[in-house]
C-alpha atoms as a PDB file:
ATOM      1  CA  MET A   1       6.802   9.948   7.029  1.00  0.00           C
ATOM      2  CA  LYS A   2       5.162   8.080   4.053  1.00  0.00           C
ATOM      3  CA  SER A   3       1.605   8.600   3.363  1.00  0.00           C
ATOM      4  CA  PRO A   4      -0.825   5.792   2.219  1.00  0.00           C
ATOM      5  CA  SER A   5      -2.757   8.575   0.720  1.00  0.00           C
ATOM      6  CA  TYR A   6      -0.463   8.191  -2.356  1.00  0.00           C
ATOM      7  CA  ILE A   7       0.335   4.640  -3.296  1.00  0.00           C
ATOM      8  CA  GLY A   8       2.283   4.178  -6.386  1.00  0.00           C
ATOM      9  CA  ARG A   9       4.169   1.237  -8.069  1.00  0.00           C
ATOM     10  CA  PHE A  10       6.598   0.034 -10.511  1.00  0.00           C
ATOM     11  CA  ALA A  11       5.641  -3.185 -12.437  1.00  0.00           C
ATOM     12  CA  PRO A  12       8.351  -4.458 -14.900  1.00  0.00           C
ATOM     13  CA  THR A  13       7.926  -7.547 -16.989  1.00  0.00           C
ATOM     14  CA  PRO A  14      10.723  -9.964 -16.794  1.00  0.00           C
ATOM     15  CA  SER A  15      10.988 -10.741 -20.561  1.00  0.00           C
ATOM     16  CA  GLY A  16      14.419  -8.868 -20.521  1.00  0.00           C
ATOM     17  CA  TYR A  17      16.645  -6.523 -18.482  1.00  0.00           C
ATOM     18  CA  LEU A  18      15.855  -2.890 -17.716  1.00  0.00           C
ATOM     19  CA  HIS A  19      16.860  -0.337 -20.448  1.00  0.00           C
ATOM     20  CA  PHE A  20      16.973   3.408 -20.627  1.00  0.00           C
ATOM     21  CA  GLY A  21      13.174   3.506 -21.464  1.00  0.00           C
ATOM     22  CA  SER A  22      12.521   1.455 -18.168  1.00  0.00           C
ATOM     23  CA  LEU A  23      14.516   3.775 -16.159  1.00  0.00           C
ATOM     24  CA  VAL A  24      12.687   6.860 -17.326  1.00  0.00           C
ATOM     25  CA  ALA A  25       9.268   5.319 -16.347  1.00  0.00           C
ATOM     26  CA  ALA A  26      10.697   3.854 -13.015  1.00  0.00           C
ATOM     27  CA  LEU A  27      12.100   7.247 -12.136  1.00  0.00           C
ATOM     28  CA  ALA A  28       8.991   9.099 -12.913  1.00  0.00           C
ATOM     29  CA  SER A  29       6.927   6.813 -10.764  1.00  0.00           C
ATOM     30  CA  TYR A  30       9.438   6.908  -7.881  1.00  0.00           C
ATOM     31  CA  LEU A  31       9.809  10.761  -7.840  1.00  0.00           C
ATOM     32  CA  ASP A  32       5.917  11.061  -8.255  1.00  0.00           C
ATOM     33  CA  ALA A  33       5.432   8.931  -5.206  1.00  0.00           C
ATOM     34  CA  ARG A  34       8.437  10.192  -2.870  1.00  0.00           C
ATOM     35  CA  SER A  35       7.621  13.971  -3.723  1.00  0.00           C
ATOM     36  CA  VAL A  36       4.329  13.738  -1.757  1.00  0.00           C
ATOM     37  CA  GLY A  37       5.768  11.204   0.912  1.00  0.00           C
ATOM     38  CA  GLY A  38       3.794   8.296  -0.753  1.00  0.00           C
ATOM     39  CA  LEU A  39       4.518   4.607  -0.836  1.00  0.00           C
ATOM     40  CA  TRP A  40       6.185   2.949  -3.902  1.00  0.00           C
ATOM     41  CA  LEU A  41       5.444  -0.783  -4.385  1.00  0.00           C
ATOM     42  CA  MET A  42       7.300  -3.194  -6.441  1.00  0.00           C
ATOM     43  CA  ARG A  43       5.137  -5.659  -8.717  1.00  0.00           C
ATOM     44  CA  MET A  44       6.645  -8.253 -11.082  1.00  0.00           C
ATOM     45  CA  GLU A  45       4.375  -8.724 -13.993  1.00  0.00           C
ATOM     46  CA  ASP A  46       5.533 -12.283 -14.744  1.00  0.00           C
ATOM     47  CA  LEU A  47       2.383 -13.427 -16.573  1.00  0.00           C
ATOM     48  CA  ASP A  48       3.949 -14.857 -19.438  1.00  0.00           C
ATOM     49  CA  PRO A  49       6.539 -17.546 -18.671  1.00  0.00           C
ATOM     50  CA  PRO A  50       7.481 -18.577 -22.191  1.00  0.00           C
ATOM     51  CA  ARG A  51       8.685 -15.088 -22.767  1.00  0.00           C
ATOM     52  CA  GLU A  52      10.542 -14.615 -19.560  1.00  0.00           C
ATOM     53  CA  VAL A  53      14.403 -14.442 -19.642  1.00  0.00           C
ATOM     54  CA  PRO A  54      15.979 -16.695 -17.105  1.00  0.00           C
ATOM     55  CA  GLY A  55      17.718 -14.447 -14.382  1.00  0.00           C
ATOM     56  CA  ALA A  56      15.662 -11.350 -15.510  1.00  0.00           C
ATOM     57  CA  GLN A  57      13.847 -10.873 -12.236  1.00  0.00           C
ATOM     58  CA  THR A  58      16.730 -10.865 -10.096  1.00  0.00           C
ATOM     59  CA  ALA A  59      18.815  -8.701 -12.625  1.00  0.00           C
ATOM     60  CA  ILE A  60      15.886  -6.119 -12.622  1.00  0.00           C
ATOM     61  CA  LEU A  61      15.626  -5.914  -8.782  1.00  0.00           C
ATOM     62  CA  ASP A  62      19.570  -5.635  -8.535  1.00  0.00           C
ATOM     63  CA  THR A  63      19.624  -2.793 -11.134  1.00  0.00           C
ATOM     64  CA  LEU A  64      16.955  -1.001  -9.397  1.00  0.00           C
ATOM     65  CA  GLU A  65      18.990  -1.129  -6.216  1.00  0.00           C
ATOM     66  CA  ARG A  66      22.124  -0.135  -7.536  1.00  0.00           C
ATOM     67  CA  TYR A  67      20.605   2.916  -9.038  1.00  0.00           C
ATOM     68  CA  GLY A  68      19.316   4.054  -5.584  1.00  0.00           C
ATOM     69  CA  PHE A  69      15.565   2.986  -5.691  1.00  0.00           C
ATOM     70  CA  GLU A  70      14.048   1.710  -2.479  1.00  0.00           C
ATOM     71  CA  TRP A  71      10.535   0.219  -2.580  1.00  0.00           C
ATOM     72  CA  ASP A  72       7.963  -0.276   0.166  1.00  0.00           C
ATOM     73  CA  GLY A  73       7.043  -3.676   1.505  1.00  0.00           C
ATOM     74  CA  GLU A  74       7.386  -7.049  -0.187  1.00  0.00           C
ATOM     75  CA  ARG A  75       7.605  -7.648  -3.793  1.00  0.00           C
ATOM     76  CA  VAL A  76       4.412  -9.045  -5.513  1.00  0.00           C
ATOM     77  CA  ASN A  77       4.598 -11.580  -8.256  1.00  0.00           C
ATOM     78  CA  GLN A  78       1.625 -11.945 -10.767  1.00  0.00           C
ATOM     79  CA  SER A  79       2.376 -15.492 -11.125  1.00  0.00           C
ATOM     80  CA  GLN A  80       1.311 -16.001  -7.511  1.00  0.00           C
ATOM     81  CA  ARG A  81      -2.099 -14.295  -8.168  1.00  0.00           C
ATOM     82  CA  HIS A  82      -3.678 -16.610 -10.662  1.00  0.00           C
ATOM     83  CA  ASP A  83      -6.443 -17.766  -8.420  1.00  0.00           C
ATOM     84  CA  ALA A  84      -7.711 -14.175  -8.082  1.00  0.00           C
ATOM     85  CA  TYR A  85      -7.713 -13.718 -11.911  1.00  0.00           C
ATOM     86  CA  ALA A  86      -9.656 -17.040 -12.338  1.00  0.00           C
ATOM     87  CA  GLN A  87     -12.231 -16.143  -9.744  1.00  0.00           C
ATOM     88  CA  VAL A  88     -13.123 -12.959 -11.671  1.00  0.00           C
ATOM     89  CA  ILE A  89     -13.249 -14.572 -14.984  1.00  0.00           C
ATOM     90  CA  ASN A  90     -15.278 -17.458 -13.848  1.00  0.00           C
ATOM     91  CA  HIS A  91     -17.879 -14.883 -12.254  1.00  0.00           C
ATOM     92  CA  TRP A  92     -17.866 -12.962 -15.785  1.00  0.00           C
ATOM     93  CA  LEU A  93     -18.526 -16.316 -17.678  1.00  0.00           C
ATOM     94  CA  SER A  94     -21.386 -17.388 -15.297  1.00  0.00           C
ATOM     95  CA  GLN A  95     -22.921 -13.817 -15.835  1.00  0.00           C
ATOM     96  CA  GLY A  96     -22.603 -13.898 -19.582  1.00  0.00           C
ATOM     97  CA  LEU A  97     -20.164 -10.867 -19.564  1.00  0.00           C
ATOM     98  CA  ALA A  98     -17.364 -12.919 -21.000  1.00  0.00           C
ATOM     99  CA  TYR A  99     -17.410 -15.663 -23.710  1.00  0.00           C
ATOM    100  CA  ALA A 100     -15.039 -18.220 -25.244  1.00  0.00           C
ATOM    101  CA  CYS A 101     -13.272 -17.435 -28.457  1.00  0.00           C
ATOM    102  CA  THR A 102     -11.707 -19.914 -31.038  1.00  0.00           C
ATOM    103  CA  CYS A 103     -10.833 -17.450 -33.657  1.00  0.00           C
ATOM    104  CA  SER A 104      -7.208 -17.561 -35.045  1.00  0.00           C
ATOM    105  CA  ARG A 105      -4.992 -14.721 -35.661  1.00  0.00           C
ATOM    106  CA  LYS A 106      -5.361 -15.374 -39.453  1.00  0.00           C
ATOM    107  CA  GLN A 107      -9.157 -15.035 -39.170  1.00  0.00           C
ATOM    108  CA  LEU A 108      -8.704 -11.753 -37.450  1.00  0.00           C
ATOM    109  CA  GLU A 109      -6.097 -10.272 -39.669  1.00  0.00           C
ATOM    110  CA  PRO A 110      -8.705  -8.485 -42.254  1.00  0.00           C
ATOM    111  CA  PHE A 111     -10.232  -6.519 -39.204  1.00  0.00           C
ATOM    112  CA  GLY A 112      -7.246  -4.340 -38.272  1.00  0.00           C
ATOM    113  CA  GLY A 113      -7.077  -5.307 -34.616  1.00  0.00           C
ATOM    114  CA  VAL A 114     -10.887  -4.498 -33.909  1.00  0.00           C
ATOM    115  CA  TYR A 115     -12.505  -7.801 -32.849  1.00  0.00           C
ATOM    116  CA  PRO A 116     -15.600  -8.166 -34.904  1.00  0.00           C
ATOM    117  CA  GLY A 117     -17.675 -10.408 -32.571  1.00  0.00           C
ATOM    118  CA  LEU A 118     -17.290 -13.730 -34.597  1.00  0.00           C
ATOM    119  CA  CYS A 119     -17.545 -15.756 -31.407  1.00  0.00           C
ATOM    120  CA  ARG A 120     -19.833 -13.568 -29.441  1.00  0.00           C
ATOM    121  CA  ASP A 121     -22.962 -15.725 -29.583  1.00  0.00           C
ATOM    122  CA  ALA A 122     -21.254 -19.068 -30.722  1.00  0.00           C
ATOM    123  CA  GLY A 123     -21.545 -20.706 -27.407  1.00  0.00           C
ATOM    124  CA  HIS A 124     -18.178 -22.293 -27.478  1.00  0.00           C
ATOM    125  CA  GLY A 125     -16.789 -24.311 -24.630  1.00  0.00           C
ATOM    126  CA  TRP A 126     -14.435 -22.565 -22.148  1.00  0.00           C
ATOM    127  CA  GLU A 127     -11.571 -25.098 -22.477  1.00  0.00           C
ATOM    128  CA  ASN A 128      -8.917 -24.744 -25.190  1.00  0.00           C
ATOM    129  CA  ALA A 129     -10.215 -21.109 -25.948  1.00  0.00           C
ATOM    130  CA  ALA A 130      -9.522 -17.509 -25.340  1.00  0.00           C
ATOM    131  CA  ILE A 131     -11.851 -15.736 -23.139  1.00  0.00           C
ATOM    132  CA  ARG A 132     -13.050 -12.390 -24.060  1.00  0.00           C
ATOM    133  CA  ILE A 133     -14.931  -9.745 -22.199  1.00  0.00           C
ATOM    134  CA  ARG A 134     -17.957  -7.995 -23.898  1.00  0.00           C
ATOM    135  CA  VAL A 135     -17.628  -4.319 -24.511  1.00  0.00           C
ATOM    136  CA  PRO A 136     -20.273  -1.704 -24.591  1.00  0.00           C
ATOM    137  CA  GLN A 137     -20.801   0.715 -27.648  1.00  0.00           C
ATOM    138  CA  LEU A 138     -19.431   3.426 -25.449  1.00  0.00           C
ATOM    139  CA  GLN A 139     -16.554   6.030 -25.313  1.00  0.00           C
ATOM    140  CA  TYR A 140     -14.243   5.920 -22.318  1.00  0.00           C
ATOM    141  CA  ALA A 141     -12.300   9.114 -21.450  1.00  0.00           C
ATOM    142  CA  PHE A 142      -9.873  10.201 -18.797  1.00  0.00           C
ATOM    143  CA  GLU A 143      -7.568  13.205 -18.004  1.00  0.00           C
ATOM    144  CA  ASP A 144      -4.057  12.319 -18.067  1.00  0.00           C
ATOM    145  CA  ARG A 145      -1.905  14.346 -15.624  1.00  0.00           C
ATOM    146  CA  VAL A 146       0.621  14.950 -18.782  1.00  0.00           C
ATOM    147  CA  GLN A 147      -1.066  13.905 -21.997  1.00  0.00           C
ATOM    148  CA  GLY A 148      -4.408  15.536 -21.331  1.00  0.00           C
ATOM    149  CA  ASN A 149      -7.626  14.128 -22.317  1.00  0.00           C
ATOM    150  CA  PHE A 150      -7.571  10.825 -23.875  1.00  0.00           C
ATOM    151  CA  GLN A 151     -10.741   8.942 -25.063  1.00  0.00           C
ATOM    152  CA  GLN A 152     -11.504   5.961 -27.187  1.00  0.00           C
ATOM    153  CA  HIS A 153     -14.634   4.129 -28.232  1.00  0.00           C
ATOM    154  CA  LEU A 154     -14.384   0.530 -27.070  1.00  0.00           C
ATOM    155  CA  GLY A 155     -16.874  -0.875 -29.346  1.00  0.00           C
ATOM    156  CA  ARG A 156     -15.499   0.857 -32.856  1.00  0.00           C
ATOM    157  CA  GLU A 157     -11.904   0.992 -31.880  1.00  0.00           C
ATOM    158  CA  VAL A 158     -11.077  -2.287 -29.735  1.00  0.00           C
ATOM    159  CA  GLY A 159     -14.025  -4.599 -29.802  1.00  0.00           C
ATOM    160  CA  ASP A 160     -14.423  -7.512 -27.240  1.00  0.00           C
ATOM    161  CA  PHE A 161     -10.928  -8.066 -25.860  1.00  0.00           C
ATOM    162  CA  VAL A 162      -9.009 -10.945 -24.492  1.00  0.00           C
ATOM    163  CA  ILE A 163      -8.760 -11.386 -20.747  1.00  0.00           C
ATOM    164  CA  ARG A 164      -7.404 -15.065 -20.805  1.00  0.00           C
ATOM    165  CA  ARG A 165      -5.500 -16.404 -23.762  1.00  0.00           C
ATOM    166  CA  ARG A 166      -6.077 -19.747 -25.610  1.00  0.00           C
ATOM    167  CA  ASP A 167      -2.996 -21.184 -23.734  1.00  0.00           C
ATOM    168  CA  GLY A 168      -4.608 -20.422 -20.329  1.00  0.00           C
ATOM    169  CA  LEU A 169      -2.276 -17.442 -19.609  1.00  0.00           C
ATOM    170  CA  PHE A 170      -4.014 -14.324 -18.266  1.00  0.00           C
ATOM    171  CA  ALA A 171      -3.948 -11.072 -20.082  1.00  0.00           C
ATOM    172  CA  TYR A 172      -2.191  -7.983 -18.846  1.00  0.00           C
ATOM    173  CA  GLN A 173      -5.301  -5.775 -19.183  1.00  0.00           C
ATOM    174  CA  LEU A 174      -7.233  -8.103 -16.539  1.00  0.00           C
ATOM    175  CA  ALA A 175      -4.312  -8.709 -14.205  1.00  0.00           C
ATOM    176  CA  VAL A 176      -3.181  -5.033 -13.845  1.00  0.00           C
ATOM    177  CA  VAL A 177      -6.669  -3.924 -13.015  1.00  0.00           C
ATOM    178  CA  ILE A 178      -7.205  -6.618 -10.299  1.00  0.00           C
ATOM    179  CA  ASP A 179      -3.791  -6.050  -8.738  1.00  0.00           C
ATOM    180  CA  ASP A 180      -3.793  -2.326  -8.681  1.00  0.00           C
ATOM    181  CA  ALA A 181      -7.084  -2.448  -6.791  1.00  0.00           C
ATOM    182  CA  TRP A 182      -5.890  -5.266  -4.350  1.00  0.00           C
ATOM    183  CA  GLN A 183      -2.724  -3.069  -3.556  1.00  0.00           C
ATOM    184  CA  GLY A 184      -4.655  -0.024  -3.291  1.00  0.00           C
ATOM    185  CA  ILE A 185      -2.848   1.886  -5.958  1.00  0.00           C
ATOM    186  CA  THR A 186      -3.909   5.553  -6.167  1.00  0.00           C
ATOM    187  CA  ASP A 187      -1.715   6.681  -8.916  1.00  0.00           C
ATOM    188  CA  VAL A 188      -0.557   4.844 -12.063  1.00  0.00           C
ATOM    189  CA  VAL A 189       2.750   6.217 -13.794  1.00  0.00           C
ATOM    190  CA  ARG A 190       3.885   4.516 -16.699  1.00  0.00           C
ATOM    191  CA  GLY A 191       5.106   4.894 -20.408  1.00  0.00           C
ATOM    192  CA  ALA A 192       2.698   6.463 -23.021  1.00  0.00           C
ATOM    193  CA  ASP A 193       2.566   3.137 -24.909  1.00  0.00           C
ATOM    194  CA  LEU A 194      -0.149   2.174 -22.555  1.00  0.00           C
ATOM    195  CA  LEU A 195      -2.101   5.233 -22.857  1.00  0.00           C
ATOM    196  CA  ASP A 196      -4.655   3.468 -25.319  1.00  0.00           C
ATOM    197  CA  SER A 197      -4.852   0.399 -22.955  1.00  0.00           C
ATOM    198  CA  THR A 198      -6.494   2.700 -20.126  1.00  0.00           C
ATOM    199  CA  PRO A 199      -9.898   2.753 -21.629  1.00  0.00           C
ATOM    200  CA  ARG A 200     -10.100  -0.894 -21.607  1.00  0.00           C
ATOM    201  CA  GLN A 201      -8.914  -0.897 -17.860  1.00  0.00           C
ATOM    202  CA  LEU A 202     -11.399   1.753 -17.069  1.00  0.00           C
ATOM    203  CA  TYR A 203     -14.220  -0.546 -18.387  1.00  0.00           C
ATOM    204  CA  LEU A 204     -12.933  -3.382 -16.224  1.00  0.00           C
ATOM    205  CA  GLN A 205     -12.748  -1.261 -13.238  1.00  0.00           C
ATOM    206  CA  GLU A 206     -16.263  -0.269 -13.957  1.00  0.00           C
ATOM    207  CA  LEU A 207     -17.329  -3.869 -13.918  1.00  0.00           C
ATOM    208  CA  LEU A 208     -15.591  -4.554 -10.785  1.00  0.00           C
ATOM    209  CA  GLY A 209     -16.703  -1.598  -8.899  1.00  0.00           C
ATOM    210  CA  ILE A 210     -13.415  -0.208  -8.444  1.00  0.00           C
ATOM    211  CA  ALA A 211     -12.638   3.559  -8.446  1.00  0.00           C
ATOM    212  CA  PRO A 212      -9.925   4.323 -11.091  1.00  0.00           C
ATOM    213  CA  PRO A 213      -6.434   5.650  -9.969  1.00  0.00           C
ATOM    214  CA  ARG A 214      -5.001   8.832 -11.394  1.00  0.00           C
ATOM    215  CA  TYR A 215      -2.942   8.304 -14.562  1.00  0.00           C
ATOM    216  CA  LEU A 216       0.300   9.960 -15.662  1.00  0.00           C
ATOM    217  CA  HIS A 217       1.804   8.568 -19.071  1.00  0.00           C
ATOM    218  CA  VAL A 218       5.333   9.723 -19.630  1.00  0.00           C
ATOM    219  CA  PRO A 219       6.718   9.879 -23.129  1.00  0.00           C
ATOM    220  CA  LEU A 220       8.081   6.649 -24.481  1.00  0.00           C
ATOM    221  CA  ILE A 221      11.694   6.677 -25.459  1.00  0.00           C
ATOM    222  CA  THR A 222      12.474   5.741 -29.126  1.00  0.00           C
ATOM    223  CA  GLN A 223      15.551   4.865 -31.079  1.00  0.00           C
ATOM    224  CA  PRO A 224      16.346   6.928 -34.069  1.00  0.00           C
ATOM    225  CA  ASP A 225      14.510   4.456 -36.387  1.00  0.00           C
ATOM    226  CA  GLY A 226      11.297   5.198 -34.382  1.00  0.00           C
ATOM    227  CA  ASN A 227      11.266   1.849 -32.634  1.00  0.00           C
ATOM    228  CA  LYS A 228      10.651   2.100 -28.823  1.00  0.00           C
ATOM    229  CA  LEU A 229      13.297   1.134 -26.675  1.00  0.00           C
ATOM    230  CA  GLY A 230      12.405  -2.416 -25.439  1.00  0.00           C
ATOM    231  CA  LYS A 231      13.456  -5.786 -24.914  1.00  0.00           C
ATOM    232  CA  SER A 232      12.074  -6.935 -28.363  1.00  0.00           C
ATOM    233  CA  TYR A 233      14.523  -4.545 -29.872  1.00  0.00           C
ATOM    234  CA  ARG A 234      17.524  -5.494 -27.868  1.00  0.00           C
ATOM    235  CA  SER A 235      17.895  -2.346 -26.160  1.00  0.00           C
ATOM    236  CA  PRO A 236      21.130  -2.441 -24.122  1.00  0.00           C
ATOM    237  CA  PRO A 237      20.535  -3.182 -20.448  1.00  0.00           C
ATOM    238  CA  LEU A 238      21.384  -0.502 -17.887  1.00  0.00           C
ATOM    239  CA  PRO A 239      25.177  -0.712 -16.755  1.00  0.00           C
ATOM    240  CA  ALA A 240      25.652  -0.695 -13.005  1.00  0.00           C
ATOM    241  CA  ASP A 241      28.686   1.742 -13.331  1.00  0.00           C
ATOM    242  CA  GLN A 242      26.725   4.299 -15.085  1.00  0.00           C
ATOM    243  CA  ALA A 243      23.779   4.853 -12.695  1.00  0.00           C
ATOM    244  CA  THR A 244      24.454   8.632 -11.865  1.00  0.00           C
ATOM    245  CA  PRO A 245      24.919   9.606 -15.572  1.00  0.00           C
ATOM    246  CA  LEU A 246      22.009   7.879 -16.673  1.00  0.00           C
ATOM    247  CA  LEU A 247      19.762   9.032 -13.743  1.00  0.00           C
ATOM    248  CA  LEU A 248      20.692  12.459 -14.893  1.00  0.00           C
ATOM    249  CA  ARG A 249      19.752  11.738 -18.423  1.00  0.00           C
ATOM    250  CA  ALA A 250      16.569  10.335 -17.564  1.00  0.00           C
ATOM    251  CA  LEU A 251      15.883  13.360 -15.483  1.00  0.00           C
ATOM    252  CA  ARG A 252      16.439  15.487 -18.661  1.00  0.00           C
ATOM    253  CA  ALA A 253      14.120  13.270 -20.715  1.00  0.00           C
ATOM    254  CA  LEU A 254      11.496  13.999 -18.082  1.00  0.00           C
ATOM    255  CA  GLY A 255      12.149  17.736 -18.448  1.00  0.00           C
ATOM    256  CA  GLN A 256      13.322  18.107 -14.937  1.00  0.00           C
ATOM    257  CA  PRO A 257      16.104  20.543 -13.734  1.00  0.00           C
ATOM    258  CA  VAL A 258      19.793  19.071 -13.468  1.00  0.00           C
ATOM    259  CA  ASP A 259      22.454  20.569 -11.363  1.00  0.00           C
ATOM    260  CA  THR A 260      25.984  19.935 -13.153  1.00  0.00           C
ATOM    261  CA  GLN A 261      27.393  19.059  -9.831  1.00  0.00           C
ATOM    262  CA  LEU A 262      25.289  16.168  -9.439  1.00  0.00           C
ATOM    263  CA  ARG A 263      27.528  14.242 -11.797  1.00  0.00           C
ATOM    264  CA  TYR A 264      29.664  13.625  -8.810  1.00  0.00           C
ATOM    265  CA  GLY A 265      26.993  12.395  -6.575  1.00  0.00           C
ATOM    266  CA  THR A 266      25.780   8.847  -5.813  1.00  0.00           C
ATOM    267  CA  PRO A 267      22.578   7.507  -7.271  1.00  0.00           C
ATOM    268  CA  LYS A 268      20.651   8.256  -3.833  1.00  0.00           C
ATOM    269  CA  GLU A 269      21.985  11.716  -3.726  1.00  0.00           C
ATOM    270  CA  VAL A 270      20.663  12.296  -7.329  1.00  0.00           C
ATOM    271  CA  LEU A 271      17.172  10.921  -6.393  1.00  0.00           C
ATOM    272  CA  GLU A 272      16.946  12.802  -3.175  1.00  0.00           C
ATOM    273  CA  TRP A 273      17.838  15.952  -5.090  1.00  0.00           C
ATOM    274  CA  ALA A 274      15.199  15.204  -7.698  1.00  0.00           C
ATOM    275  CA  ILE A 275      12.543  14.347  -5.160  1.00  0.00           C
ATOM    276  CA  LYS A 276      12.607  17.988  -3.715  1.00  0.00           C
ATOM    277  CA  ARG A 277      12.358  19.433  -7.301  1.00  0.00           C
ATOM    278  CA  TRP A 278       9.900  17.041  -9.014  1.00  0.00           C
ATOM    279  CA  ASP A 279       7.363  19.091 -11.125  1.00  0.00           C
ATOM    280  CA  VAL A 280       4.979  17.258 -13.284  1.00  0.00           C
ATOM    281  CA  ALA A 281       4.395  20.343 -15.415  1.00  0.00           C
ATOM    282  CA  LEU A 282       7.738  20.263 -16.711  1.00  0.00           C
ATOM    283  CA  ILE A 283       7.395  16.714 -18.298  1.00  0.00           C
ATOM    284  CA  PRO A 284       6.993  16.912 -22.189  1.00  0.00           C
ATOM    285  CA  ARG A 285       3.548  16.546 -23.419  1.00  0.00           C
ATOM    286  CA  ALA A 286       4.463  14.120 -26.173  1.00  0.00           C
ATOM    287  CA  SER A 287       3.828  10.472 -26.873  1.00  0.00           C
ATOM    288  CA  THR A 288       7.473   9.756 -27.879  1.00  0.00           C
ATOM    289  CA  LEU A 289      11.050  11.308 -27.410  1.00  0.00           C
ATOM    290  CA  ASP A 290      13.860  10.448 -29.570  1.00  0.00           C
ATOM    291  CA  GLU A 291      16.774   9.022 -27.370  1.00  0.00           C
ATOM    292  CA  ALA A 292      19.291  10.692 -29.563  1.00  0.00           C
ATOM    293  CA  ARG A 293      17.915  13.963 -28.850  1.00  0.00           C
ATOM    294  CA  ILE A 294      18.201  13.589 -25.007  1.00  0.00           C
ATOM    295  CA  HIS A 295      21.508  15.360 -23.976  1.00  0.00           C
END
């Protein structure tokens, strides 16, 4: 019986097809949910239409099904959730917690990614401007289930960050917090490239009065040149006919036991075997893993 006391999710972005790094993250989130009889939801993070690859959404879902993954309930698309994001932003604007920013990328280049507050008190109009949330001069920390304690001072290391872009598109940081709360997500399992996004999300959860989920960040799979496997680096998509061997390889990347006899099994048989043996303590406590070293 599946238990709502654990609700996890996988939330791919349709800016390309699933690759091996995506598989590792999907597998970790799936096994973590299913090993305790939890729910595993599917959310398509289609917030950025200009970057979306035609047909990618269908290809992602088809690939997951071919690899044996089964999600609970109907898929949610963030492109259908714009009203919820806008409502929160409008409230924060009216409360003075958020403000309009007209800074260009060129203006911000000298500040090394930390917003210096140039528009904080400028009183710009909300139209044709980015919207930033005011952050406190405070440090936010959490205990990751794999990576351990992580902390970040929002004022010194991030600054006021964008929650709606100048082109009107909503920012990931805002949407993920609102949707995780709306779907009742208790556990977030994702790649370590999002580790330093978590303090920002903790702050937004605090503003919204939301209890934070538990977090588990798995190592990011990198190429030999150090770049992460990802759509921007044209990482090869997952081939449908290699589901079983690639699932086994993903298990090894996560430090999980692998039975050599499984290479003759179906993807669903591999997943069923792995669910019973899932052990978070075996996941490497590293932010990255070189793909070439996973055998």
